[in-house]
Amino acid sequence: MTADQRGPGVRTPGGDGPHKAGDRASLRRTNLGQVLRLLRDAGPRPRTRIAAETGLPKATITNLVAELMERGLVREGEPTRDGSIGRPSRTVEIDGRAICGIGVEISADYLFLIALDLRGEVAAEQHIPLDVRGLGADEVLDRAAEAIRDTRRRLRSRGMHTVAVTVAAPGVIEHRSGVVSYAPNIEWRDVDVVGFLTRRLGPRSPRIDLENDAKLGALAEYLIAAAAGIHDLIYVTGETGVGGGIITEGRLLRGAAGYAGEIGHMRLSPDGKLCACGRRGCWETMVGLHALLDHAAAPGDPVRDATVDLELRLAELRRRADAGEPATTAALEAITEGLALGLAALTDILNPRAIVLGGYFAYFGDHLITRVQSELTERVMAPDAGGCTVLASTLGFSAAARGAASLALDVVYQDPGGTLASSS
C-alpha cells in the first residue's frame, strides 16, 4: 500500500462517469461517490481542497464527508496547512477497514482467493492447489463456492462484511452474462460461473461478477503504475496460457464485444506447434509455461510434475537458471526470443508506456527484462521502442485475484450508501 493510503478501487470497467441525477437522493449518491473516488485516485486532502477540486460548496463537502465517516468509508488524516496561514486543518483519507471485496482466480492449477479492504490491505487469503481441467467445472465451482463461504464467515467473525465478489477466469469471457464462453486451457465451454456460484451461495449471496484473468491482472498492475504516472500499459501473464490486459489512458480496453486482450492466440508461427485452441503457432505455444518446461526439462523431471505446487517448481528452475544450468539457460533464451517477437508487434500497434510481465515471466525477470528491452528497441518501428519500458510484475501469481478484489470494491465507489445498505 502506498504511503498516501489510496484505495484499491478501479477506474474501470464499472465506469466512474457521473450518475444521472433525477432527484435529491440520486444527486447525493453521485456526490458521495465523487468525493470517495477523488480520495481514492488523488490521495488524502483537506475538505477545502476537496471542495475546490470537485466544484462543490464547502458546506456540502462538510456534510458529505460527515456521512462518509459515519459509514466508515473515510476518516480524519494528518494535519496540514495546505498552503494557507493559520490553524492547520486535517486531511480526509480512505478508511473502509470493515468493508471487503473478494477476488477469486480460477487457473489451470489452482484457485486463489483474496479479500481486500477499501484501503487495499489483505484481509484474507487462500491458495488451493487444484487440477482444474481434470476435476471439471462443477467440482471446481463447488470448491470455489466453499472457499468464498468460508472466507465470508471468517470476515464476519471480525466484524467485516463483503460487498461483492469478482471471479477471474481464463479464456473468452461474456462479462455481462457471467459465462465463460471458451477457455481451452481448462477445457471449459459455456460455463455459467455467476449463475452457478449465486445458486450455491444462496439467497444471501453478495453480488458476483466475472472477468477475464489477464484483464484483472492489468487492473491490479495499473493501480501500482498509476502512482508513477504510467497510464498506458500492457500486462502479459505467462501461465499455462498467455493472456493480456490493455490499459489505455487509464482505462481498461475491452473491445467492441469485450474480447480484447486474447494475445496468447496471435498466430505468429502458422506451421508451429498445435495449440489447445486447435490452431497451430499461437504465441502461447512459443512462450507459455509448457513451452518453458519443454525446453528446460526432460520428461520425468520433477519440475514437470503438475501435482507439485507451481511456485516450488518455478523456484527450482530459477535456482538452475541462476547456476547457469545449460538447458534452463537455453530455455530462457528461446522464451526471450518468442516474447520479443510478440511484444514488438503489440508495441507497434498500441505504443504503451510500459509492458508488465506477470505470471511465471516475473520469476525470471532479471534473466528476461534486459534482453527483451533490447530486442524491442531493435524491432519496434518507433525510436527507442516508442518510449516503452519492460517491467517485471511485483505481484506474482496474485495479480488476477487482487484485480478481481479491487473490481469488487468498485461498487462502493459507484454507490457508497446503497452498497452498504444492501450488504448489511
Protein backbone atom coordinates (compact mmCIF):
# COMPACT_ATOMS: atom_id res chain seq x y z
CA MET A 1 0.00 0.00 0.00
CA THR A 2 1.34 3.44 -0.83
CA ALA A 3 2.08 5.97 1.85
CA ASP A 4 -0.80 8.22 0.89
CA GLN A 5 -3.32 5.43 1.67
CA ARG A 6 -5.10 5.48 -1.66
CA GLY A 7 -7.78 2.85 -2.02
CA PRO A 8 -7.73 -0.10 -4.43
CA GLY A 9 -10.94 0.52 -6.36
CA VAL A 10 -10.55 0.63 -10.13
CA ARG A 11 -11.28 3.45 -12.54
CA THR A 12 -12.92 1.00 -14.94
CA PRO A 13 -14.79 -1.04 -16.07
CA GLY A 14 -17.58 -0.07 -13.70
CA GLY A 15 -17.20 3.42 -15.10
CA ASP A 16 -16.66 6.48 -12.96
CA GLY A 17 -18.82 8.75 -15.06
CA PRO A 18 -21.50 10.79 -13.37
CA HIS A 19 -24.84 9.27 -12.50
CA LYS A 20 -27.92 10.91 -13.96
CA ALA A 21 -29.39 12.68 -11.03
CA GLY A 22 -33.15 12.56 -11.17
CA ASP A 23 -33.85 13.57 -7.57
CA ARG A 24 -32.12 14.64 -4.37
CA ALA A 25 -31.25 11.10 -3.34
CA SER A 26 -29.53 10.28 -6.61
CA LEU A 27 -27.71 13.64 -6.59
CA ARG A 28 -26.40 12.93 -3.10
CA ARG A 29 -25.33 9.44 -4.18
CA THR A 30 -23.46 10.96 -7.10
CA ASN A 31 -21.71 13.49 -4.86
CA LEU A 32 -20.76 10.88 -2.25
CA GLY A 33 -19.21 8.75 -4.97
CA GLN A 34 -17.41 11.75 -6.45
CA VAL A 35 -15.74 12.59 -3.13
CA LEU A 36 -14.82 8.99 -2.39
CA ARG A 37 -13.31 8.47 -5.86
CA LEU A 38 -11.30 11.68 -5.55
CA LEU A 39 -9.75 10.43 -2.31
CA ARG A 40 -9.06 7.06 -3.93
CA ASP A 41 -7.42 8.50 -7.04
CA ALA A 42 -5.63 11.54 -5.63
CA GLY A 43 -4.97 10.61 -2.01
CA PRO A 44 -5.72 12.40 1.29
CA ARG A 45 -6.58 16.09 1.21
CA PRO A 46 -8.34 18.66 3.42
CA ARG A 47 -12.01 19.49 2.97
CA THR A 48 -11.24 22.87 1.41
CA ARG A 49 -9.21 21.23 -1.32
CA ILE A 50 -11.90 18.59 -1.91
CA ALA A 51 -14.40 21.42 -2.40
CA ALA A 52 -12.09 23.20 -4.85
CA GLU A 53 -11.39 20.06 -6.87
CA THR A 54 -14.98 18.82 -7.04
CA GLY A 55 -16.55 22.24 -7.52
CA LEU A 56 -18.99 21.55 -4.70
CA PRO A 57 -19.74 24.11 -1.95
CA LYS A 58 -17.69 23.81 1.24
CA ALA A 59 -20.82 23.24 3.32
CA THR A 60 -21.85 20.39 1.02
CA ILE A 61 -18.41 18.80 1.32
CA THR A 62 -18.59 19.05 5.12
CA ASN A 63 -21.90 17.17 5.10
CA LEU A 64 -20.74 14.57 2.57
CA VAL A 65 -17.54 13.85 4.48
CA ALA A 66 -19.51 13.51 7.71
CA GLU A 67 -21.79 10.92 6.07
CA LEU A 68 -18.84 9.00 4.63
CA MET A 69 -17.22 8.98 8.07
CA GLU A 70 -20.43 7.73 9.66
CA ARG A 71 -20.47 4.87 7.17
CA GLY A 72 -16.84 4.04 7.98
CA LEU A 73 -15.59 4.82 4.47
CA VAL A 74 -13.28 7.73 5.30
CA ARG A 75 -11.53 9.07 8.38
CA GLU A 76 -9.53 12.05 9.59
CA GLY A 77 -5.90 12.02 8.47
CA GLU A 78 -2.85 14.12 9.28
CA PRO A 79 -2.97 17.87 9.94
CA THR A 80 -1.98 20.09 7.00
CA ARG A 81 -1.84 23.80 6.31
CA ASP A 82 -2.42 23.21 2.58
CA GLY A 83 -0.60 26.44 1.75
CA SER A 84 -2.78 28.60 3.99
CA ILE A 85 -1.92 30.72 7.02
CA GLY A 86 -3.34 29.94 10.42
CA ARG A 87 -4.57 26.86 12.19
CA PRO A 88 -3.85 23.61 10.25
CA SER A 89 -6.78 21.53 9.08
CA ARG A 90 -6.96 17.76 8.98
CA THR A 91 -6.91 15.80 5.79
CA VAL A 92 -9.57 13.23 4.92
CA GLU A 93 -8.46 9.79 3.74
CA ILE A 94 -9.93 6.43 2.71
CA ASP A 95 -10.82 4.13 5.61
CA GLY A 96 -13.21 1.23 4.97
CA ARG A 97 -11.41 -1.35 7.12
CA ALA A 98 -14.70 -3.14 7.84
CA ILE A 99 -15.56 -3.48 4.13
CA CYS A 100 -14.16 -6.13 1.82
CA GLY A 101 -14.23 -7.17 -1.80
CA ILE A 102 -13.34 -10.76 -2.64
CA GLY A 103 -11.45 -11.82 -5.74
CA VAL A 104 -11.26 -15.46 -6.83
CA GLU A 105 -8.92 -16.59 -9.60
CA ILE A 106 -9.57 -19.87 -11.40
CA SER A 107 -6.34 -21.05 -13.00
CA ALA A 108 -5.37 -24.35 -14.60
CA ASP A 109 -3.52 -25.46 -11.47
CA TYR A 110 -5.16 -23.67 -8.55
CA LEU A 111 -7.82 -21.47 -7.02
CA PHE A 112 -6.54 -18.28 -5.46
CA LEU A 113 -8.82 -16.18 -3.26
CA ILE A 114 -8.02 -12.82 -1.74
CA ALA A 115 -10.12 -10.33 0.22
CA LEU A 116 -9.09 -6.66 0.24
CA ASP A 117 -10.48 -3.91 2.41
CA LEU A 118 -11.14 -0.47 0.97
CA ARG A 119 -7.57 0.62 1.80
CA GLY A 120 -6.16 -2.23 -0.29
CA GLU A 121 -4.96 -4.24 2.68
CA VAL A 122 -5.28 -8.03 2.63
CA ALA A 123 -8.00 -9.23 4.99
CA ALA A 124 -7.97 -12.90 3.98
CA GLU A 125 -6.18 -15.16 1.53
CA GLN A 126 -6.41 -18.77 0.36
CA HIS A 127 -4.36 -20.71 -2.19
CA ILE A 128 -5.87 -24.06 -3.16
CA PRO A 129 -3.83 -26.32 -5.50
CA LEU A 130 -6.30 -27.94 -7.88
CA ASP A 131 -6.34 -29.89 -11.15
CA VAL A 132 -8.98 -27.62 -12.68
CA ARG A 133 -9.07 -29.35 -16.05
CA GLY A 134 -9.28 -32.84 -14.54
CA LEU A 135 -12.00 -32.06 -12.00
CA GLY A 136 -14.42 -30.34 -14.36
CA ALA A 137 -16.35 -27.10 -13.99
CA ASP A 138 -18.99 -28.21 -11.45
CA GLU A 139 -16.47 -29.59 -8.96
CA VAL A 140 -14.18 -26.58 -9.33
CA LEU A 141 -17.01 -24.12 -8.81
CA ASP A 142 -18.21 -26.13 -5.79
CA ARG A 143 -14.71 -25.70 -4.31
CA ALA A 144 -14.77 -22.00 -5.15
CA ALA A 145 -18.18 -21.55 -3.50
CA GLU A 146 -16.96 -23.27 -0.35
CA ALA A 147 -13.84 -21.07 -0.26
CA ILE A 148 -15.96 -17.93 -0.65
CA ARG A 149 -18.38 -19.13 2.04
CA ASP A 150 -15.53 -19.91 4.44
CA THR A 151 -13.84 -16.55 3.82
CA ARG A 152 -17.04 -14.58 4.36
CA ARG A 153 -17.62 -16.49 7.60
CA ARG A 154 -14.15 -15.57 8.87
CA LEU A 155 -14.58 -11.94 7.82
CA ARG A 156 -17.94 -11.68 9.59
CA SER A 157 -16.37 -13.01 12.79
CA ARG A 158 -14.05 -9.97 12.68
CA GLY A 159 -16.89 -7.52 12.07
CA MET A 160 -16.21 -7.20 8.34
CA HIS A 161 -18.69 -7.64 5.52
CA THR A 162 -18.30 -8.44 1.84
CA VAL A 163 -19.82 -6.04 -0.68
CA ALA A 164 -19.15 -8.12 -3.82
CA VAL A 165 -17.19 -10.99 -5.34
CA THR A 166 -15.41 -10.96 -8.70
CA VAL A 167 -14.25 -14.18 -10.32
CA ALA A 168 -11.20 -14.15 -12.60
CA ALA A 169 -11.15 -16.90 -15.22
CA PRO A 170 -9.04 -17.59 -18.30
CA GLY A 171 -10.27 -17.58 -21.86
CA VAL A 172 -13.13 -15.81 -23.61
CA ILE A 173 -15.48 -14.26 -21.06
CA GLU A 174 -19.00 -12.94 -21.54
CA HIS A 175 -18.82 -10.26 -18.86
CA ARG A 176 -22.47 -9.23 -18.90
CA SER A 177 -23.92 -12.75 -18.68
CA GLY A 178 -21.26 -14.12 -16.33
CA VAL A 179 -20.40 -17.02 -18.64
CA VAL A 180 -17.01 -18.48 -19.57
CA SER A 181 -17.64 -18.89 -23.28
CA TYR A 182 -14.45 -20.75 -24.16
CA ALA A 183 -11.38 -21.49 -22.05
CA PRO A 184 -9.30 -24.10 -23.91
CA ASN A 185 -6.58 -24.47 -21.30
CA ILE A 186 -9.08 -25.66 -18.68
CA GLU A 187 -11.47 -27.23 -21.22
CA TRP A 188 -14.49 -25.10 -20.25
CA ARG A 189 -17.13 -24.07 -22.72
CA ASP A 190 -20.34 -22.12 -21.97
CA VAL A 191 -19.97 -22.38 -18.19
CA ASP A 192 -22.37 -20.11 -16.28
CA VAL A 193 -19.96 -19.19 -13.49
CA VAL A 194 -22.03 -16.38 -11.94
CA GLY A 195 -25.27 -18.35 -12.03
CA PHE A 196 -23.67 -21.45 -10.52
CA LEU A 197 -21.99 -19.57 -7.66
CA THR A 198 -25.08 -17.48 -6.94
CA ARG A 199 -27.15 -20.66 -6.55
CA ARG A 200 -24.52 -22.36 -4.38
CA LEU A 201 -24.12 -19.36 -2.09
CA GLY A 202 -27.86 -18.97 -1.66
CA PRO A 203 -30.23 -16.03 -1.19
CA ARG A 204 -27.75 -14.00 0.90
CA SER A 205 -25.10 -14.20 -1.78
CA PRO A 206 -23.27 -10.92 -2.44
CA ARG A 207 -23.13 -9.53 -5.94
CA ILE A 208 -20.96 -11.77 -8.15
CA ASP A 209 -19.22 -10.68 -11.38
CA LEU A 210 -16.96 -12.46 -13.85
CA GLU A 211 -13.99 -11.06 -15.77
CA ASN A 212 -11.01 -12.32 -17.72
CA ASP A 213 -7.99 -13.07 -15.53
CA ALA A 214 -5.46 -11.11 -17.58
CA LYS A 215 -7.67 -8.03 -17.71
CA LEU A 216 -7.93 -8.12 -13.93
CA GLY A 217 -4.18 -8.59 -13.63
CA ALA A 218 -3.78 -5.46 -15.75
CA LEU A 219 -6.06 -3.52 -13.39
CA ALA A 220 -4.01 -4.64 -10.38
CA GLU A 221 -0.79 -3.57 -12.08
CA TYR A 222 -2.31 -0.25 -13.12
CA LEU A 223 -3.11 0.61 -9.51
CA ILE A 224 0.65 0.47 -8.91
CA ALA A 225 1.78 2.01 -12.20
CA ALA A 226 -0.58 4.99 -11.98
CA ALA A 227 1.31 6.23 -8.93
CA ALA A 228 4.39 6.51 -11.18
CA GLY A 229 2.43 8.40 -13.85
CA ILE A 230 2.02 5.41 -16.18
CA HIS A 231 -1.46 5.37 -17.74
CA ASP A 232 -0.87 3.27 -20.86
CA LEU A 233 0.34 -0.28 -20.30
CA ILE A 234 0.04 -3.87 -21.45
CA TYR A 235 0.03 -6.62 -18.87
CA VAL A 236 1.21 -10.00 -20.19
CA THR A 237 0.83 -13.03 -17.95
CA GLY A 238 2.60 -16.33 -18.51
CA GLU A 239 0.89 -19.40 -17.11
CA THR A 240 -0.44 -22.49 -18.89
CA GLY A 241 -1.74 -19.98 -21.41
CA VAL A 242 -0.65 -16.44 -22.19
CA GLY A 243 -3.12 -13.62 -21.60
CA GLY A 244 -3.07 -9.88 -21.87
CA GLY A 245 -4.78 -6.86 -20.42
CA ILE A 246 -4.53 -3.43 -22.03
CA ILE A 247 -4.82 -0.11 -20.20
CA THR A 248 -5.04 2.97 -22.39
CA GLU A 249 -5.27 6.48 -20.92
CA GLY A 250 -6.11 4.93 -17.57
CA ARG A 251 -8.99 2.81 -18.84
CA LEU A 252 -9.28 -0.91 -19.46
CA LEU A 253 -9.63 -1.70 -23.16
CA ARG A 254 -12.44 -4.22 -23.63
CA GLY A 255 -13.05 -4.06 -27.38
CA ALA A 256 -16.39 -3.94 -29.21
CA ALA A 257 -17.64 -7.24 -27.75
CA GLY A 258 -15.42 -7.39 -24.66
CA TYR A 259 -12.85 -9.81 -26.07
CA ALA A 260 -9.80 -7.53 -26.38
CA GLY A 261 -6.62 -8.99 -24.93
CA GLU A 262 -6.61 -12.55 -26.35
CA ILE A 263 -2.97 -12.05 -27.27
CA GLY A 264 -1.90 -15.62 -26.48
CA HIS A 265 -3.67 -16.80 -29.63
CA MET A 266 -1.93 -14.46 -32.05
CA ARG A 267 -0.69 -16.81 -34.79
CA LEU A 268 2.98 -15.92 -35.01
CA SER A 269 4.17 -19.22 -36.47
CA PRO A 270 1.49 -20.78 -38.71
CA ASP A 271 3.47 -24.03 -39.06
CA GLY A 272 4.31 -24.18 -35.36
CA LYS A 273 3.08 -26.35 -32.51
CA LEU A 274 -0.56 -27.31 -32.05
CA CYS A 275 -2.30 -25.05 -29.53
CA ALA A 276 -5.05 -26.03 -27.06
CA CYS A 277 -7.40 -23.84 -29.13
CA GLY A 278 -6.96 -26.19 -32.11
CA ARG A 279 -4.83 -23.89 -34.25
CA ARG A 280 -1.08 -24.00 -34.86
CA GLY A 281 1.59 -21.49 -33.99
CA CYS A 282 -0.24 -19.42 -31.36
CA TRP A 283 2.05 -17.19 -29.31
CA GLU A 284 1.40 -19.19 -26.13
CA THR A 285 2.85 -22.33 -27.77
CA MET A 286 6.09 -20.34 -28.05
CA VAL A 287 6.23 -18.65 -24.63
CA GLY A 288 3.65 -20.29 -22.34
CA LEU A 289 4.56 -22.41 -19.34
CA HIS A 290 4.50 -25.65 -21.32
CA ALA A 291 6.99 -24.16 -23.78
CA LEU A 292 9.36 -23.27 -20.95
CA LEU A 293 9.11 -26.75 -19.41
CA ASP A 294 9.53 -28.48 -22.79
CA HIS A 295 12.74 -26.53 -23.41
CA ALA A 296 14.13 -26.73 -19.87
CA ALA A 297 13.34 -30.23 -18.61
CA ALA A 298 13.25 -33.78 -19.92
CA PRO A 299 10.17 -35.99 -19.36
CA GLY A 300 10.20 -37.27 -15.80
CA ASP A 301 11.97 -34.21 -14.41
CA PRO A 302 10.26 -33.17 -11.12
CA VAL A 303 9.70 -29.63 -12.42
CA ARG A 304 7.21 -31.10 -14.91
CA ASP A 305 5.15 -32.83 -12.20
CA ALA A 306 1.80 -30.99 -12.21
CA THR A 307 0.96 -32.40 -8.76
CA VAL A 308 3.76 -30.28 -7.25
CA ASP A 309 2.95 -26.66 -6.43
CA LEU A 310 3.84 -24.48 -9.42
CA GLU A 311 5.73 -21.91 -7.39
CA LEU A 312 8.00 -24.64 -5.97
CA ARG A 313 8.74 -25.88 -9.48
CA LEU A 314 9.49 -22.37 -10.69
CA ALA A 315 11.77 -21.78 -7.72
CA GLU A 316 13.77 -24.85 -8.74
CA LEU A 317 14.02 -23.64 -12.33
CA ARG A 318 15.09 -20.24 -11.05
CA ARG A 319 17.83 -21.92 -8.99
CA ARG A 320 19.04 -23.73 -12.10
CA ALA A 321 18.98 -20.53 -14.15
CA ASP A 322 20.99 -18.66 -11.52
CA ALA A 323 23.52 -21.53 -11.51
CA GLY A 324 23.86 -21.30 -15.29
CA GLU A 325 22.48 -24.79 -15.97
CA PRO A 326 22.65 -25.12 -19.80
CA ALA A 327 19.15 -26.48 -20.52
CA THR A 328 17.45 -23.84 -18.37
CA THR A 329 19.58 -21.06 -19.82
CA ALA A 330 18.77 -22.19 -23.36
CA ALA A 331 15.09 -22.40 -22.49
CA LEU A 332 15.03 -18.81 -21.24
CA GLU A 333 16.81 -17.65 -24.39
CA ALA A 334 14.11 -19.29 -26.50
CA ILE A 335 11.38 -17.72 -24.37
CA THR A 336 13.08 -14.32 -24.67
CA GLU A 337 13.13 -14.58 -28.46
CA GLY A 338 9.45 -15.55 -28.56
CA LEU A 339 8.47 -12.81 -26.12
CA ALA A 340 10.29 -10.16 -28.11
CA LEU A 341 8.54 -11.24 -31.33
CA GLY A 342 5.04 -10.86 -29.88
CA LEU A 343 5.73 -7.83 -27.71
CA ALA A 344 7.25 -5.91 -30.63
CA ALA A 345 4.05 -6.41 -32.61
CA LEU A 346 1.91 -5.25 -29.70
CA THR A 347 4.17 -2.23 -29.14
CA ASP A 348 3.98 -1.20 -32.78
CA ILE A 349 0.18 -1.34 -32.64
CA LEU A 350 -0.55 0.09 -29.17
CA ASN A 351 2.53 2.18 -28.22
CA PRO A 352 2.28 1.51 -24.45
CA ARG A 353 4.32 3.41 -21.89
CA ALA A 354 5.09 0.11 -20.14
CA ILE A 355 4.78 -3.64 -20.62
CA VAL A 356 4.45 -5.53 -17.35
CA LEU A 357 5.41 -9.21 -17.42
CA GLY A 358 3.48 -11.29 -14.90
CA GLY A 359 2.90 -14.94 -14.04
CA TYR A 360 5.97 -17.11 -14.50
CA PHE A 361 7.72 -14.40 -16.55
CA ALA A 362 8.13 -12.35 -13.37
CA TYR A 363 10.03 -15.22 -11.71
CA PHE A 364 12.77 -14.86 -14.31
CA GLY A 365 12.59 -11.09 -14.64
CA ASP A 366 16.31 -10.40 -14.32
CA HIS A 367 17.02 -13.11 -16.91
CA LEU A 368 14.45 -11.73 -19.37
CA ILE A 369 13.91 -7.98 -18.97
CA THR A 370 17.20 -6.57 -20.28
CA ARG A 371 17.24 -8.76 -23.36
CA VAL A 372 13.57 -8.26 -24.14
CA GLN A 373 14.01 -4.48 -23.80
CA SER A 374 16.99 -4.59 -26.16
CA GLU A 375 15.06 -6.69 -28.68
CA LEU A 376 12.14 -4.25 -28.58
CA THR A 377 14.46 -1.34 -29.29
CA GLU A 378 15.68 -3.16 -32.41
CA ARG A 379 12.32 -4.48 -33.64
CA VAL A 380 9.84 -1.65 -32.93
CA MET A 381 9.47 0.93 -35.69
CA ALA A 382 9.35 3.96 -33.37
CA PRO A 383 12.66 5.26 -31.95
CA ASP A 384 13.59 3.87 -28.54
CA ALA A 385 10.68 1.38 -28.73
CA GLY A 386 8.25 4.30 -28.68
CA GLY A 387 9.23 5.10 -25.08
CA CYS A 388 8.07 1.69 -23.84
CA THR A 389 9.71 0.19 -20.75
CA VAL A 390 9.53 -3.53 -19.93
CA LEU A 391 8.93 -4.27 -16.25
CA ALA A 392 8.54 -7.39 -14.12
CA SER A 393 5.40 -7.64 -12.01
CA THR A 394 5.87 -7.45 -8.25
CA LEU A 395 2.52 -9.16 -7.62
CA GLY A 396 3.46 -12.63 -8.86
CA PHE A 397 0.54 -15.01 -9.22
CA SER A 398 -1.71 -12.84 -7.03
CA ALA A 399 -2.31 -10.16 -9.69
CA ALA A 400 -5.57 -11.52 -11.14
CA ALA A 401 -7.15 -12.17 -7.73
CA ARG A 402 -6.07 -8.72 -6.50
CA GLY A 403 -7.52 -7.07 -9.56
CA ALA A 404 -10.73 -9.03 -9.03
CA ALA A 405 -11.00 -7.91 -5.40
CA SER A 406 -10.39 -4.30 -6.44
CA LEU A 407 -13.12 -4.54 -9.06
CA ALA A 408 -15.48 -5.99 -6.44
CA LEU A 409 -14.82 -2.92 -4.28
CA ASP A 410 -15.70 -0.61 -7.16
CA VAL A 411 -19.40 -1.00 -6.31
CA VAL A 412 -18.69 1.03 -3.15
CA TYR A 413 -17.22 3.89 -5.17
CA GLN A 414 -20.22 3.88 -7.51
CA ASP A 415 -22.81 3.96 -4.72
CA PRO A 416 -21.28 4.45 -1.24
CA GLY A 417 -24.58 4.45 0.60
CA GLY A 418 -26.66 1.94 -1.32
CA THR A 419 -23.98 -0.71 -1.48
CA LEU A 420 -23.55 -0.85 2.25
CA ALA A 421 -27.29 -0.86 2.87
CA SER A 422 -27.81 -3.81 0.53
CA SER A 423 -24.93 -5.80 2.00
CA SER A 424 -25.84 -5.36 5.67
